[in-house]
Amino acid sequence: MMTLRQVEVIRAVMVTGTIGGAAKLLNVSAPGISRLVKYTERSLGIRFFQRQNGRYFPTPEAENIFEQINGVYKKVDDLSEIISKIGRGGLSELRIGSVPSISQVMVPRAIERVRRRYPDLGIDINILKLEEAIDYLLLGRGECVAMSYRLEHSGLDFMPLASGELYCIVPPGHELAGRKQVSAAEITRYPLIGIDPNDPYGRIMAEIFARHRLDYNITIRARFGTTVCALVKAGLGIAIIDQFTVAHGGYPGIELLKITEPTRFDTYIAVKRGAPLSLHVEYFIEALRAEMRAVEPSRSNGKGGAARGRRK
């Protein structure tokens, strides 16, 4: 029986016609090639080559063997090509979900990192409401979901992503525009957009308002951050928004004010419990965590990292 090394050497001699040519092709010494050819012929009891004028020609007995050797070598080449494609992300698809607040800025920045690492990887991104994430994972439609809230579910596991804060956003020219920060009491003096107490972020502000016995007037309800930002930009009111929606200047034309009261929250990656994760989704999670932690309040030195966080 021949080893893969013997197959490689015999084929190299067959292709080049000389021991020296085979040695150059395989980047080894000529004596080593000659010894391995002789050893293979002795051990198998077959003469592979006839030597004429310094060149090696296949013997009639070895013709069928050479056909098989070429077949083996082609399969090795095919295997190498498949491995190369997999290394570049080919033949695979990254299927991930995200709640809107994280999908606006953070997910695209993480996907850019993934694309650089795996240029041929197919990518499918789904923007999901919190209640849609469970079926998305349990039914195998995707491998992970970036979440703004941790659910209690026996079929899901949650891994920490990053912490964030809420900001008050106002249109240019507003009475609050140009200020560094604003209190909850000051916020309630103006018409509010999109504060839903059942939303994870809305719940934080609702608790602050309740704790200080503050009444607030919701003039327009809008669940998704991009819509809220557009309404504020149009001058229809002010709003509370999470920092990840507006990080890196993700929505120009509005001004961000830090809220005096603590508004810290945590974000997570949800996965199906017990399901193995692909290398591609593991790298996506790593990239998303890095992007989000780069603008965490504790890492932005209190200088408006939500708006001016830098890529690392």
Protein backbone atom coordinates (compact mmCIF):
# COMPACT_ATOMS: atom_id res chain seq x y z
CA MET A 1 0.00 0.00 0.00
CA MET A 2 1.30 3.45 -0.91
CA THR A 3 1.41 6.41 1.42
CA LEU A 4 0.31 9.89 0.29
CA ARG A 5 3.97 10.92 0.32
CA GLN A 6 4.88 8.08 -2.01
CA VAL A 7 1.97 9.03 -4.29
CA GLU A 8 3.20 12.62 -4.32
CA VAL A 9 6.80 11.65 -5.18
CA ILE A 10 5.90 9.11 -7.88
CA ARG A 11 3.57 11.64 -9.50
CA ALA A 12 6.22 14.36 -9.38
CA VAL A 13 8.70 12.11 -11.23
CA MET A 14 6.01 11.15 -13.73
CA VAL A 15 5.12 14.81 -14.40
CA THR A 16 8.66 16.20 -14.64
CA GLY A 17 10.38 13.14 -16.17
CA THR A 18 13.49 13.51 -14.01
CA ILE A 19 14.55 13.03 -10.41
CA GLY A 20 15.97 16.56 -10.32
CA GLY A 21 12.75 18.04 -11.68
CA ALA A 22 10.67 16.16 -9.09
CA ALA A 23 13.00 17.40 -6.33
CA LYS A 24 12.53 21.03 -7.43
CA LEU A 25 8.77 20.57 -7.72
CA LEU A 26 8.54 19.24 -4.16
CA ASN A 27 11.36 21.44 -2.81
CA VAL A 28 13.37 18.50 -1.45
CA SER A 29 16.73 16.89 -2.25
CA ALA A 30 17.18 14.76 -5.39
CA PRO A 31 18.81 11.84 -3.50
CA GLY A 32 15.79 11.67 -1.21
CA ILE A 33 13.46 11.42 -4.21
CA SER A 34 15.61 8.70 -5.80
CA ARG A 35 15.71 6.65 -2.59
CA LEU A 36 11.93 6.89 -2.07
CA VAL A 37 11.22 5.80 -5.67
CA LYS A 38 13.51 2.78 -5.30
CA TYR A 39 12.04 1.89 -1.91
CA THR A 40 8.49 2.10 -3.25
CA GLU A 41 9.33 -0.12 -6.23
CA ARG A 42 10.96 -2.72 -3.97
CA SER A 43 8.20 -2.75 -1.37
CA LEU A 44 5.43 -3.08 -3.96
CA GLY A 45 7.32 -5.35 -6.36
CA ILE A 46 6.51 -3.02 -9.27
CA ARG A 47 8.86 -1.08 -11.51
CA PHE A 48 7.37 2.34 -12.13
CA PHE A 49 9.95 3.85 -14.50
CA GLN A 50 12.41 3.05 -17.24
CA ARG A 51 15.42 5.34 -17.45
CA GLN A 52 16.51 6.48 -20.90
CA ASN A 53 19.06 9.23 -21.50
CA GLY A 54 18.61 10.58 -17.99
CA ARG A 55 14.83 10.76 -18.21
CA TYR A 56 12.25 8.60 -16.47
CA PHE A 57 9.41 7.08 -18.52
CA PRO A 58 6.47 5.14 -17.06
CA THR A 59 6.64 1.38 -17.62
CA PRO A 60 3.64 -0.32 -19.29
CA GLU A 61 2.91 -2.13 -16.03
CA ALA A 62 2.61 1.19 -14.17
CA GLU A 63 0.24 2.96 -16.57
CA ASN A 64 -2.92 1.91 -14.70
CA ILE A 65 -1.33 2.87 -11.39
CA PHE A 66 -0.54 6.33 -12.71
CA GLU A 67 -4.17 6.83 -13.71
CA GLN A 68 -5.20 6.06 -10.15
CA ILE A 69 -2.46 8.29 -8.75
CA ASN A 70 -3.72 11.19 -10.86
CA GLY A 71 -7.23 10.51 -9.57
CA VAL A 72 -6.03 10.57 -5.96
CA TYR A 73 -4.09 13.76 -6.57
CA LYS A 74 -7.12 15.44 -8.12
CA LYS A 75 -9.19 14.55 -5.06
CA VAL A 76 -6.48 16.05 -2.86
CA ASP A 77 -6.57 19.23 -4.97
CA ASP A 78 -10.36 19.29 -4.70
CA LEU A 79 -10.10 18.88 -0.93
CA SER A 80 -7.59 21.74 -0.71
CA GLU A 81 -9.89 23.95 -2.77
CA ILE A 82 -12.86 23.18 -0.52
CA ILE A 83 -10.77 23.90 2.59
CA SER A 84 -9.70 27.21 1.06
CA LYS A 85 -13.31 28.15 0.28
CA ILE A 86 -14.39 27.29 3.82
CA GLY A 87 -11.55 29.40 5.21
CA ARG A 88 -12.89 32.37 3.21
CA GLY A 89 -16.45 31.66 4.28
CA GLY A 90 -17.57 30.04 1.04
CA LEU A 91 -20.17 27.24 1.15
CA SER A 92 -21.55 28.71 4.41
CA GLU A 93 -24.07 31.31 5.51
CA LEU A 94 -24.14 33.44 8.63
CA ARG A 95 -27.75 33.79 9.80
CA ILE A 96 -28.19 36.26 12.64
CA GLY A 97 -30.96 38.36 14.12
CA SER A 98 -31.00 41.62 16.02
CA VAL A 99 -33.40 43.94 17.74
CA PRO A 100 -33.65 47.30 15.91
CA SER A 101 -31.68 49.31 18.48
CA ILE A 102 -28.55 47.21 17.93
CA SER A 103 -29.06 46.63 14.21
CA GLN A 104 -28.93 50.30 13.25
CA VAL A 105 -25.22 50.96 13.84
CA MET A 106 -23.58 48.17 15.81
CA VAL A 107 -24.49 45.16 13.67
CA PRO A 108 -23.28 46.74 10.38
CA ARG A 109 -19.93 47.59 11.99
CA ALA A 110 -19.57 44.03 13.27
CA ILE A 111 -20.58 42.61 9.87
CA GLU A 112 -17.87 44.73 8.25
CA ARG A 113 -15.32 42.93 10.44
CA VAL A 114 -16.84 39.56 9.55
CA ARG A 115 -16.69 40.37 5.83
CA ARG A 116 -13.01 41.25 6.06
CA ARG A 117 -12.32 37.92 7.80
CA TYR A 118 -14.62 35.80 5.60
CA PRO A 119 -14.97 37.58 2.22
CA ASP A 120 -17.01 34.80 0.58
CA LEU A 121 -19.42 34.18 3.47
CA GLY A 122 -23.14 34.42 2.75
CA ILE A 123 -24.87 36.66 5.29
CA ASP A 124 -28.56 36.82 6.24
CA ILE A 125 -29.61 39.48 8.77
CA ASN A 126 -33.09 39.62 10.29
CA ILE A 127 -34.41 42.60 12.26
CA LEU A 128 -36.65 41.17 14.99
CA LYS A 129 -38.94 42.34 17.73
CA LEU A 130 -38.13 40.92 21.16
CA GLU A 131 -41.06 38.50 21.01
CA GLU A 132 -39.96 37.20 17.60
CA ALA A 133 -36.51 36.16 18.79
CA ILE A 134 -37.69 33.00 20.56
CA ASP A 135 -39.18 31.33 17.47
CA TYR A 136 -36.29 32.56 15.32
CA LEU A 137 -33.83 30.62 17.48
CA LEU A 138 -35.90 27.61 18.52
CA LEU A 139 -37.02 26.90 14.94
CA GLY A 140 -33.42 27.09 13.68
CA ARG A 141 -33.95 30.09 11.41
CA GLY A 142 -30.76 31.67 12.75
CA GLU A 143 -27.92 31.02 15.18
CA CYS A 144 -28.05 34.08 17.42
CA VAL A 145 -29.97 37.26 18.18
CA ALA A 146 -28.59 40.51 19.58
CA MET A 147 -31.00 41.47 22.38
CA SER A 148 -31.71 44.57 24.46
CA TYR A 149 -33.31 42.48 27.18
CA ARG A 150 -32.78 39.12 28.84
CA LEU A 151 -35.77 36.80 28.64
CA GLU A 152 -36.41 33.89 30.95
CA HIS A 153 -36.72 30.85 28.69
CA SER A 154 -35.61 27.26 29.28
CA GLY A 155 -34.62 26.80 25.63
CA LEU A 156 -32.33 29.83 25.35
CA ASP A 157 -28.96 30.90 26.71
CA PHE A 158 -27.89 34.53 27.05
CA MET A 159 -24.34 35.84 26.81
CA PRO A 160 -23.45 39.42 27.81
CA LEU A 161 -22.66 41.91 25.07
CA ALA A 162 -22.20 45.37 26.56
CA SER A 163 -23.76 47.94 28.85
CA GLY A 164 -25.25 51.18 27.62
CA GLU A 165 -27.07 54.34 28.70
CA LEU A 166 -30.09 56.25 27.52
CA TYR A 167 -29.87 59.72 26.02
CA CYS A 168 -32.37 62.48 25.49
CA ILE A 169 -32.50 63.55 21.84
CA VAL A 170 -33.76 66.94 20.67
CA PRO A 171 -33.96 68.67 17.29
CA PRO A 172 -31.60 71.53 16.43
CA GLY A 173 -32.92 74.85 17.69
CA HIS A 174 -34.85 73.30 20.56
CA GLU A 175 -34.75 75.01 23.97
CA LEU A 176 -32.58 72.15 25.29
CA ALA A 177 -30.27 72.07 22.26
CA GLY A 178 -26.62 72.76 23.06
CA ARG A 179 -26.82 71.52 26.63
CA LYS A 180 -24.58 68.73 27.93
CA GLN A 181 -27.18 67.02 30.10
CA VAL A 182 -30.77 67.16 31.22
CA SER A 183 -32.75 65.82 34.18
CA ALA A 184 -35.86 63.65 34.10
CA ALA A 185 -37.89 66.54 35.52
CA GLU A 186 -36.77 68.82 32.67
CA ILE A 187 -37.58 66.14 30.08
CA THR A 188 -41.21 65.91 31.24
CA ARG A 189 -41.76 69.59 30.44
CA TYR A 190 -41.80 68.81 26.75
CA PRO A 191 -43.93 66.55 24.51
CA LEU A 192 -42.39 63.08 24.41
CA ILE A 193 -42.15 60.64 21.53
CA GLY A 194 -42.10 56.85 21.84
CA ILE A 195 -41.83 56.21 25.58
CA ASP A 196 -43.53 52.83 25.94
CA PRO A 197 -43.33 51.55 29.55
CA ASN A 198 -43.44 47.96 28.24
CA ASP A 199 -40.30 48.46 26.16
CA PRO A 200 -37.00 47.60 27.97
CA TYR A 201 -35.66 51.13 27.53
CA GLY A 202 -39.02 52.79 28.14
CA ARG A 203 -39.32 50.86 31.39
CA ILE A 204 -36.12 52.47 32.70
CA MET A 205 -37.42 56.00 32.12
CA ALA A 206 -40.92 55.12 33.33
CA GLU A 207 -39.42 53.93 36.63
CA ILE A 208 -37.43 57.15 36.98
CA PHE A 209 -40.53 59.26 36.30
CA ALA A 210 -42.57 57.17 38.77
CA ARG A 211 -39.88 57.36 41.45
CA HIS A 212 -39.85 61.16 41.25
CA ARG A 213 -43.66 61.34 40.84
CA LEU A 214 -43.29 63.02 37.47
CA ASP A 215 -46.13 63.15 34.96
CA TYR A 216 -45.19 63.03 31.28
CA ASN A 217 -47.08 63.59 28.06
CA ILE A 218 -46.63 61.10 25.23
CA THR A 219 -47.73 62.78 22.02
CA ILE A 220 -46.57 60.14 19.51
CA ARG A 221 -45.82 56.46 20.07
CA ALA A 222 -43.17 54.93 17.84
CA ARG A 223 -41.46 51.71 18.78
CA PHE A 224 -38.32 51.64 16.65
CA GLY A 225 -35.41 53.99 17.27
CA THR A 226 -34.94 55.07 13.67
CA THR A 227 -38.56 56.23 13.50
CA VAL A 228 -38.22 58.03 16.83
CA CYS A 229 -35.10 59.83 15.58
CA ALA A 230 -36.86 60.85 12.38
CA LEU A 231 -39.80 62.28 14.31
CA VAL A 232 -37.49 64.24 16.60
CA LYS A 233 -35.51 65.53 13.64
CA ALA A 234 -38.79 66.74 12.13
CA GLY A 235 -39.36 68.83 15.27
CA LEU A 236 -42.35 66.86 16.54
CA GLY A 237 -41.04 66.44 20.09
CA ILE A 238 -38.12 65.13 22.11
CA ALA A 239 -37.39 61.51 22.96
CA ILE A 240 -35.35 59.04 24.97
CA ILE A 241 -33.11 56.78 22.89
CA ASP A 242 -30.49 54.14 23.64
CA GLN A 243 -26.92 55.08 22.89
CA PHE A 244 -26.31 52.22 20.44
CA THR A 245 -28.97 53.49 18.02
CA VAL A 246 -27.19 56.83 17.70
CA ALA A 247 -23.55 55.75 18.23
CA HIS A 248 -20.89 57.02 15.82
CA GLY A 249 -23.25 59.72 14.53
CA GLY A 250 -25.61 56.99 13.34
CA TYR A 251 -28.47 59.47 12.98
CA PRO A 252 -27.33 63.00 12.05
CA GLY A 253 -29.55 66.03 12.50
CA ILE A 254 -30.37 65.53 16.18
CA GLU A 255 -28.60 66.52 19.37
CA LEU A 256 -27.80 64.16 22.26
CA LEU A 257 -28.08 65.13 25.92
CA LYS A 258 -26.88 62.95 28.76
CA ILE A 259 -29.60 62.19 31.31
CA THR A 260 -28.68 63.14 34.89
CA GLU A 261 -30.34 60.10 36.49
CA PRO A 262 -28.74 56.63 36.08
CA THR A 263 -30.13 54.91 32.97
CA ARG A 264 -27.68 52.06 32.54
CA PHE A 265 -28.89 48.86 30.83
CA ASP A 266 -27.36 45.58 29.62
CA THR A 267 -27.50 43.89 26.21
CA TYR A 268 -27.12 40.23 25.34
CA ILE A 269 -26.61 37.64 22.64
CA ALA A 270 -29.28 34.96 22.73
CA VAL A 271 -28.62 31.46 21.36
CA LYS A 272 -30.50 28.20 21.36
CA ARG A 273 -29.50 26.17 24.40
CA GLY A 274 -27.26 23.23 23.52
CA ALA A 275 -26.91 24.17 19.84
CA PRO A 276 -23.28 24.27 18.59
CA LEU A 277 -22.22 27.62 17.15
CA SER A 278 -20.38 27.92 13.85
CA LEU A 279 -16.98 29.60 13.71
CA HIS A 280 -18.57 32.38 11.71
CA VAL A 281 -21.22 33.22 14.30
CA GLU A 282 -18.63 33.01 17.09
CA TYR A 283 -16.54 35.58 15.24
CA PHE A 284 -19.61 37.77 14.66
CA ILE A 285 -20.41 37.71 18.39
CA GLU A 286 -16.80 38.61 19.19
CA ALA A 287 -16.87 41.48 16.67
CA LEU A 288 -20.24 42.80 17.87
CA ARG A 289 -19.15 42.69 21.50
CA ALA A 290 -15.95 44.59 20.65
CA GLU A 291 -17.85 47.29 18.74
CA MET A 292 -20.43 47.78 21.48
CA ARG A 293 -17.96 47.74 24.36
CA ALA A 294 -15.89 50.38 22.58
CA VAL A 295 -18.67 52.90 23.28
CA GLU A 296 -19.70 51.72 26.75
CA PRO A 297 -20.18 54.62 29.20
CA SER A 298 -17.29 53.47 31.40
CA ARG A 299 -15.00 53.40 28.36
CA SER A 300 -16.02 56.74 26.86
CA ASN A 301 -14.71 58.81 29.81
CA GLY A 302 -17.97 60.71 30.07
CA LYS A 303 -17.33 62.56 26.80
CA GLY A 304 -20.33 61.54 24.76
CA GLY A 305 -19.04 58.17 23.59
CA ALA A 306 -22.46 57.33 22.20
CA ALA A 307 -22.01 59.94 19.54
CA ARG A 308 -18.26 59.94 19.11
CA GLY A 309 -17.11 56.40 19.89
CA ARG A 310 -14.13 55.40 17.80
CA ARG A 311 -13.59 52.12 16.02
CA LYS A 312 -10.81 50.01 17.49
